[in-house]
Protein backbone atom coordinates (compact mmCIF):
# COMPACT_ATOMS: atom_id res chain seq x y z
CA MET A 1 2.48 5.79 16.20
CA THR A 2 2.39 9.36 17.45
CA ASP A 3 2.70 12.70 15.72
CA ALA A 4 6.28 13.59 14.87
CA PRO A 5 6.85 17.35 14.65
CA ASP A 6 9.71 17.03 12.17
CA VAL A 7 7.61 15.16 9.59
CA ALA A 8 5.59 17.55 7.47
CA PRO A 9 2.95 16.24 5.05
CA PRO A 10 4.25 16.50 1.48
CA ALA A 11 2.42 18.33 -1.28
CA PRO A 12 -0.10 16.14 -3.11
CA ALA A 13 1.64 13.86 -5.57
CA GLY A 14 1.63 15.26 -9.08
CA ALA A 15 0.89 18.85 -8.02
CA GLU A 16 2.30 21.50 -10.28
CA ALA A 17 3.88 24.59 -8.79
CA GLY A 18 1.35 27.40 -8.43
CA SER A 19 -1.57 25.16 -9.38
CA THR A 20 -4.25 23.34 -7.42
CA ALA A 21 -4.63 20.69 -10.15
CA THR A 22 -3.20 17.24 -9.60
CA ARG A 23 -2.73 14.32 -11.93
CA PRO A 24 -3.91 10.86 -10.83
CA ALA A 25 -1.42 8.88 -8.77
CA VAL A 26 -2.25 5.75 -10.78
CA GLU A 27 -4.30 5.41 -13.96
CA ALA A 28 -5.06 2.06 -15.63
CA ARG A 29 -6.97 1.72 -18.90
CA GLY A 30 -7.91 -1.68 -20.28
CA LEU A 31 -5.10 -3.22 -18.27
CA GLY A 32 -4.51 -6.93 -18.65
CA LEU A 33 -1.81 -9.49 -17.98
CA THR A 34 -1.58 -13.03 -19.31
CA TYR A 35 1.21 -15.31 -18.12
CA ARG A 36 2.69 -17.82 -20.56
CA THR A 37 3.22 -21.16 -18.84
CA ALA A 38 4.19 -24.65 -19.95
CA SER A 39 0.58 -25.75 -19.60
CA GLY A 40 -0.81 -22.79 -21.51
CA PRO A 41 -1.70 -19.12 -20.99
CA VAL A 42 -3.00 -17.95 -17.58
CA GLU A 43 -5.02 -14.74 -17.64
CA ALA A 44 -4.33 -12.94 -14.35
CA LEU A 45 -5.95 -9.57 -15.05
CA LYS A 46 -8.45 -8.52 -17.70
CA GLY A 47 -9.81 -5.13 -18.72
CA VAL A 48 -8.93 -3.21 -15.56
CA ASP A 49 -9.97 0.45 -15.67
CA LEU A 50 -9.08 2.37 -12.53
CA VAL A 51 -8.08 5.90 -11.57
CA ILE A 52 -6.52 6.47 -8.13
CA GLU A 53 -6.28 10.07 -7.02
CA ALA A 54 -3.23 11.36 -5.16
CA GLY A 55 -3.59 11.02 -1.40
CA ALA A 56 -6.20 8.25 -1.53
CA PHE A 57 -6.07 5.10 0.58
CA VAL A 58 -7.29 2.35 -1.77
CA ALA A 59 -7.83 -1.22 -0.58
CA PHE A 60 -7.95 -4.14 -3.04
CA ILE A 61 -9.96 -7.14 -1.91
CA GLY A 62 -10.92 -10.36 -3.63
CA PRO A 63 -10.32 -14.12 -3.53
CA SER A 64 -6.84 -15.59 -3.72
CA GLY A 65 -5.44 -15.50 -7.23
CA CYS A 66 -7.68 -12.66 -8.42
CA GLY A 67 -4.81 -10.38 -9.45
CA LYS A 68 -4.58 -8.01 -6.47
CA THR A 69 -0.85 -8.50 -6.02
CA THR A 70 -0.40 -8.63 -9.79
CA PHE A 71 -1.82 -5.12 -10.05
CA LEU A 72 0.67 -3.86 -7.46
CA ARG A 73 3.50 -5.61 -9.29
CA LEU A 74 2.48 -3.89 -12.53
CA VAL A 75 2.50 -0.51 -10.80
CA ALA A 76 5.93 -1.34 -9.37
CA ASP A 77 7.32 -2.36 -12.79
CA LEU A 78 7.89 -5.91 -11.56
CA GLU A 79 5.62 -7.21 -14.34
CA GLU A 80 4.71 -5.87 -17.79
CA PRO A 81 1.09 -5.73 -18.98
CA THR A 82 0.09 -7.61 -22.09
CA THR A 83 -2.82 -5.25 -22.86
CA GLY A 84 -3.84 -1.73 -21.97
CA THR A 85 -1.95 1.18 -20.46
CA LEU A 86 -0.73 2.09 -16.99
CA ARG A 87 0.56 5.44 -15.78
CA VAL A 88 2.05 6.17 -12.37
CA GLU A 89 1.99 9.89 -11.60
CA GLY A 90 1.90 10.52 -15.32
CA LEU A 91 4.93 8.30 -15.94
CA SER A 92 5.35 4.79 -17.24
CA PRO A 93 5.91 2.24 -14.44
CA ARG A 94 9.57 2.00 -15.43
CA GLU A 95 9.99 5.78 -15.31
CA ALA A 96 8.21 5.90 -11.96
CA ARG A 97 10.51 3.18 -10.58
CA LEU A 98 13.62 5.00 -11.72
CA ALA A 99 12.24 8.25 -10.28
CA ARG A 100 11.66 6.51 -6.91
CA ARG A 101 7.96 7.37 -6.87
CA TYR A 102 6.88 4.41 -4.74
CA GLY A 103 7.90 2.29 -1.78
CA TYR A 104 6.88 -1.37 -1.47
CA VAL A 105 5.91 -3.22 1.72
CA PHE A 106 5.73 -6.98 1.17
CA GLN A 107 3.75 -9.65 3.03
CA ALA A 108 6.85 -10.59 5.05
CA PRO A 109 9.13 -7.89 6.50
CA ALA A 110 12.18 -9.29 4.61
CA LEU A 111 14.65 -7.63 6.95
CA GLN A 112 18.37 -8.42 6.90
CA PRO A 113 19.01 -10.25 10.22
CA TRP A 114 22.65 -9.12 10.46
CA ARG A 115 21.75 -5.42 10.15
CA THR A 116 20.35 -3.32 12.97
CA VAL A 117 16.90 -1.76 12.69
CA GLU A 118 18.46 1.54 11.70
CA ARG A 119 20.66 -0.05 9.04
CA ASN A 120 17.70 -1.99 7.63
CA VAL A 121 15.83 1.30 7.23
CA THR A 122 18.82 2.96 5.56
CA LEU A 123 19.52 0.09 3.15
CA PRO A 124 17.64 1.67 0.18
CA LEU A 125 19.36 4.97 0.93
CA GLU A 126 22.78 3.32 0.81
CA ILE A 127 21.93 1.79 -2.56
CA MET A 128 20.75 5.19 -3.81
CA GLY A 129 23.95 6.87 -2.68
CA PHE A 130 22.63 9.13 0.08
CA PRO A 131 25.42 10.48 2.33
CA PRO A 132 25.77 8.91 5.81
CA GLU A 133 24.50 11.95 7.70
CA GLU A 134 21.32 12.14 5.66
CA ARG A 135 20.77 8.38 5.94
CA ALA A 136 20.94 8.62 9.74
CA ALA A 137 18.61 11.63 9.84
CA ARG A 138 16.03 9.93 7.64
CA ALA A 139 16.17 6.75 9.71
CA ARG A 140 15.53 8.75 12.89
CA ARG A 141 12.67 10.59 11.22
CA TRP A 142 10.77 7.53 10.02
CA LEU A 143 11.54 5.33 13.02
CA ALA A 144 10.08 8.10 15.18
CA LEU A 145 6.93 8.11 13.07
CA VAL A 146 6.45 4.35 13.55
CA GLU A 147 7.42 4.63 17.25
CA LEU A 148 10.59 2.54 16.99
CA GLU A 149 13.29 5.14 17.55
CA ALA A 150 14.24 3.43 20.84
CA PHE A 151 14.93 0.20 18.92
CA ALA A 152 17.31 1.63 16.29
CA ARG A 153 20.26 -0.45 17.60
CA HIS A 154 18.28 -3.68 17.96
CA TYR A 155 18.33 -6.52 15.46
CA PRO A 156 15.20 -7.88 13.74
CA TRP A 157 15.25 -11.11 15.75
CA GLN A 158 14.88 -9.02 18.91
CA LEU A 159 11.56 -7.56 17.73
CA SER A 160 8.01 -8.89 17.57
CA GLY A 161 6.39 -9.60 14.22
CA GLY A 162 4.40 -6.38 14.36
CA MET A 163 7.50 -4.33 15.15
CA GLN A 164 9.38 -5.95 12.27
CA GLN A 165 6.62 -4.96 9.88
CA ARG A 166 6.76 -1.40 11.18
CA VAL A 167 10.50 -1.41 10.38
CA SER A 168 9.66 -2.51 6.84
CA ILE A 169 7.19 0.37 6.54
CA ALA A 170 9.85 2.83 7.76
CA ARG A 171 12.28 1.35 5.20
CA ALA A 172 9.75 1.79 2.38
CA LEU A 173 9.23 5.42 3.44
CA SER A 174 12.93 6.19 3.95
CA PHE A 175 13.33 8.00 0.61
CA ASP A 176 9.91 9.71 1.02
CA PRO A 177 8.07 8.33 -2.01
CA PRO A 178 4.57 9.73 -2.69
CA ILE A 179 3.09 6.24 -3.21
CA LEU A 180 3.18 3.29 -0.81
CA LEU A 181 2.36 -0.18 -2.17
CA MET A 182 1.38 -2.64 0.57
CA ASP A 183 0.81 -6.30 -0.25
CA GLU A 184 -1.18 -7.77 2.66
CA PRO A 185 1.43 -6.55 5.18
CA PHE A 186 -0.48 -7.61 8.31
CA GLY A 187 -1.91 -10.93 7.13
CA ALA A 188 0.44 -13.10 9.20
CA LEU A 189 -0.12 -11.22 12.47
CA ASP A 190 -2.48 -12.05 15.32
CA GLU A 191 -5.75 -10.12 15.42
CA ILE A 192 -4.81 -7.88 18.36
CA THR A 193 -1.53 -6.80 16.74
CA ARG A 194 -3.23 -6.40 13.40
CA ASP A 195 -5.90 -4.11 14.86
CA ARG A 196 -3.25 -1.93 16.47
CA LEU A 197 -1.24 -1.67 13.26
CA ASN A 198 -4.40 -0.80 11.34
CA LEU A 199 -4.87 2.17 13.66
CA GLU A 200 -1.22 3.16 13.39
CA LEU A 201 -1.13 2.87 9.60
CA HIS A 202 -4.29 4.94 9.22
CA GLY A 203 -2.79 7.62 11.45
CA LEU A 204 0.48 7.57 9.48
CA TRP A 205 -1.44 7.96 6.21
CA ARG A 206 -3.37 10.95 7.56
CA ARG A 207 -0.17 12.64 8.74
CA THR A 208 1.95 12.05 5.64
CA GLY A 209 -0.57 12.44 2.81
CA LYS A 210 0.81 9.41 0.96
CA THR A 211 -1.17 7.55 -1.68
CA ILE A 212 -1.57 3.98 -0.39
CA LEU A 213 -2.50 0.91 -2.43
CA PHE A 214 -3.27 -1.84 0.06
CA VAL A 215 -3.97 -5.51 -0.70
CA THR A 216 -5.97 -7.48 1.87
CA HIS A 217 -8.22 -10.51 2.27
CA SER A 218 -9.96 -8.97 5.29
CA ILE A 219 -13.26 -7.15 4.74
CA ALA A 220 -13.00 -5.47 8.16
CA GLU A 221 -9.47 -4.26 7.43
CA ALA A 222 -10.40 -2.92 3.99
CA VAL A 223 -13.43 -1.04 5.30
CA HIS A 224 -11.60 0.30 8.35
CA LEU A 225 -8.62 1.68 6.42
CA ALA A 226 -9.65 2.71 2.95
CA THR A 227 -11.21 5.77 1.38
CA ARG A 228 -12.02 3.55 -1.63
CA ILE A 229 -12.42 -0.23 -1.80
CA VAL A 230 -11.79 -2.07 -5.07
CA VAL A 231 -13.70 -5.37 -5.16
CA MET A 232 -12.19 -7.87 -7.59
CA SER A 233 -13.52 -11.03 -9.23
CA PRO A 234 -11.88 -14.47 -9.31
CA ARG A 235 -9.27 -14.98 -12.03
CA PRO A 236 -9.07 -13.42 -14.48
CA GLY A 237 -9.16 -10.45 -12.15
CA ARG A 238 -11.73 -7.82 -13.06
CA ILE A 239 -12.98 -4.89 -11.05
CA LEU A 240 -16.50 -5.70 -9.95
CA GLU A 241 -17.13 -2.56 -7.95
CA VAL A 242 -15.34 0.48 -6.55
CA ILE A 243 -16.87 1.60 -3.25
CA ASP A 244 -16.25 5.11 -1.95
CA SER A 245 -16.23 5.00 1.84
CA PRO A 246 -18.66 7.30 3.68
CA LEU A 247 -16.81 6.83 6.98
CA PRO A 248 -15.26 9.85 8.72
CA ALA A 249 -11.52 10.52 8.65
CA ASP A 250 -11.19 9.63 12.33
CA ARG A 251 -11.63 5.86 12.63
CA PRO A 252 -11.14 4.34 16.08
CA LEU A 253 -11.60 0.58 16.40
CA ASP A 254 -15.12 0.90 17.75
CA ILE A 255 -16.23 2.40 14.44
CA ARG A 256 -16.45 -1.23 13.32
CA ASP A 257 -19.62 -1.54 15.41
CA SER A 258 -21.33 1.43 13.73
CA PRO A 259 -24.23 1.00 11.28
CA GLU A 260 -22.25 2.87 8.60
CA PHE A 261 -19.30 0.50 8.88
CA LEU A 262 -21.51 -2.57 8.83
CA GLU A 263 -23.35 -1.27 5.76
CA VAL A 264 -20.10 -0.83 3.79
CA ALA A 265 -18.86 -4.25 4.95
CA HIS A 266 -22.14 -5.79 3.80
CA ARG A 267 -21.78 -4.14 0.40
CA VAL A 268 -18.23 -5.48 0.03
CA ARG A 269 -19.33 -8.97 1.07
CA GLU A 270 -22.20 -8.93 -1.42
CA GLY A 271 -19.82 -7.80 -4.17
CA LEU A 272 -17.45 -10.65 -3.42
CA ARG A 273 -20.32 -13.13 -3.39
CA ALA A 274 -21.63 -11.85 -6.71
CA GLY A 275 -18.13 -12.11 -8.17
CA HIS A 276 -18.14 -15.86 -7.81
CA SER A 277 -21.05 -16.07 -10.25
CA TYR A 278 -19.46 -13.58 -12.67
CA ASP A 279 -19.65 -14.90 -16.23
């Protein structure tokens, strides 16, 4: 993905006019969720306290079933907590959803095969009632940012898996939300494609100033991308540690061989290992 001159970074989410103060993008206090099932209650999250500042890139890592995706679904108002409070840019999750404060990128691209790339990107805009001219302009803008403007008239089945996921990112950004929720978006891709998309996503984040919440099972991916890494325990999901990354803003692939990178990766790995003995 290359710089696009017509895409200007937005003001930090939550900024008030004439003020340098910002409210947190996401704030959870004592957050918990227990599912009621036929075989009894299942505690997915317990006692989650977390503040995510606007413009941060936060990676969530932990074993399968630890509540990483559940946390994103709570932010997105797809689930309701059973305990605690959750605010999204100072709003309730429902208010934030109605105000279009986030875009969601799922594990699979979930593109409509009968719609072109451009019309997949504009689908949320059609639902929201944007006029045709603005829909087309926004599609050009975001497809340029993910380097797919030449494929606007193609269909999803004509694209590689990595290209399809880039379309899904452009679709999530089409209405320019300040928050991007990403649920293991590159997990099904081969390592070479995944590395490239890691670089492209990090560059996109730096250019747009979005707040990104990113779920992954990959330690290398979490350390490479994030400004903060949230290490979670097995179910019920608790936050074991929040690691602030000391890595520089510029992160080429070879940074993964640096002592600083390896030290953070070691700390994440030790946190995950300790989580399995959490009582």
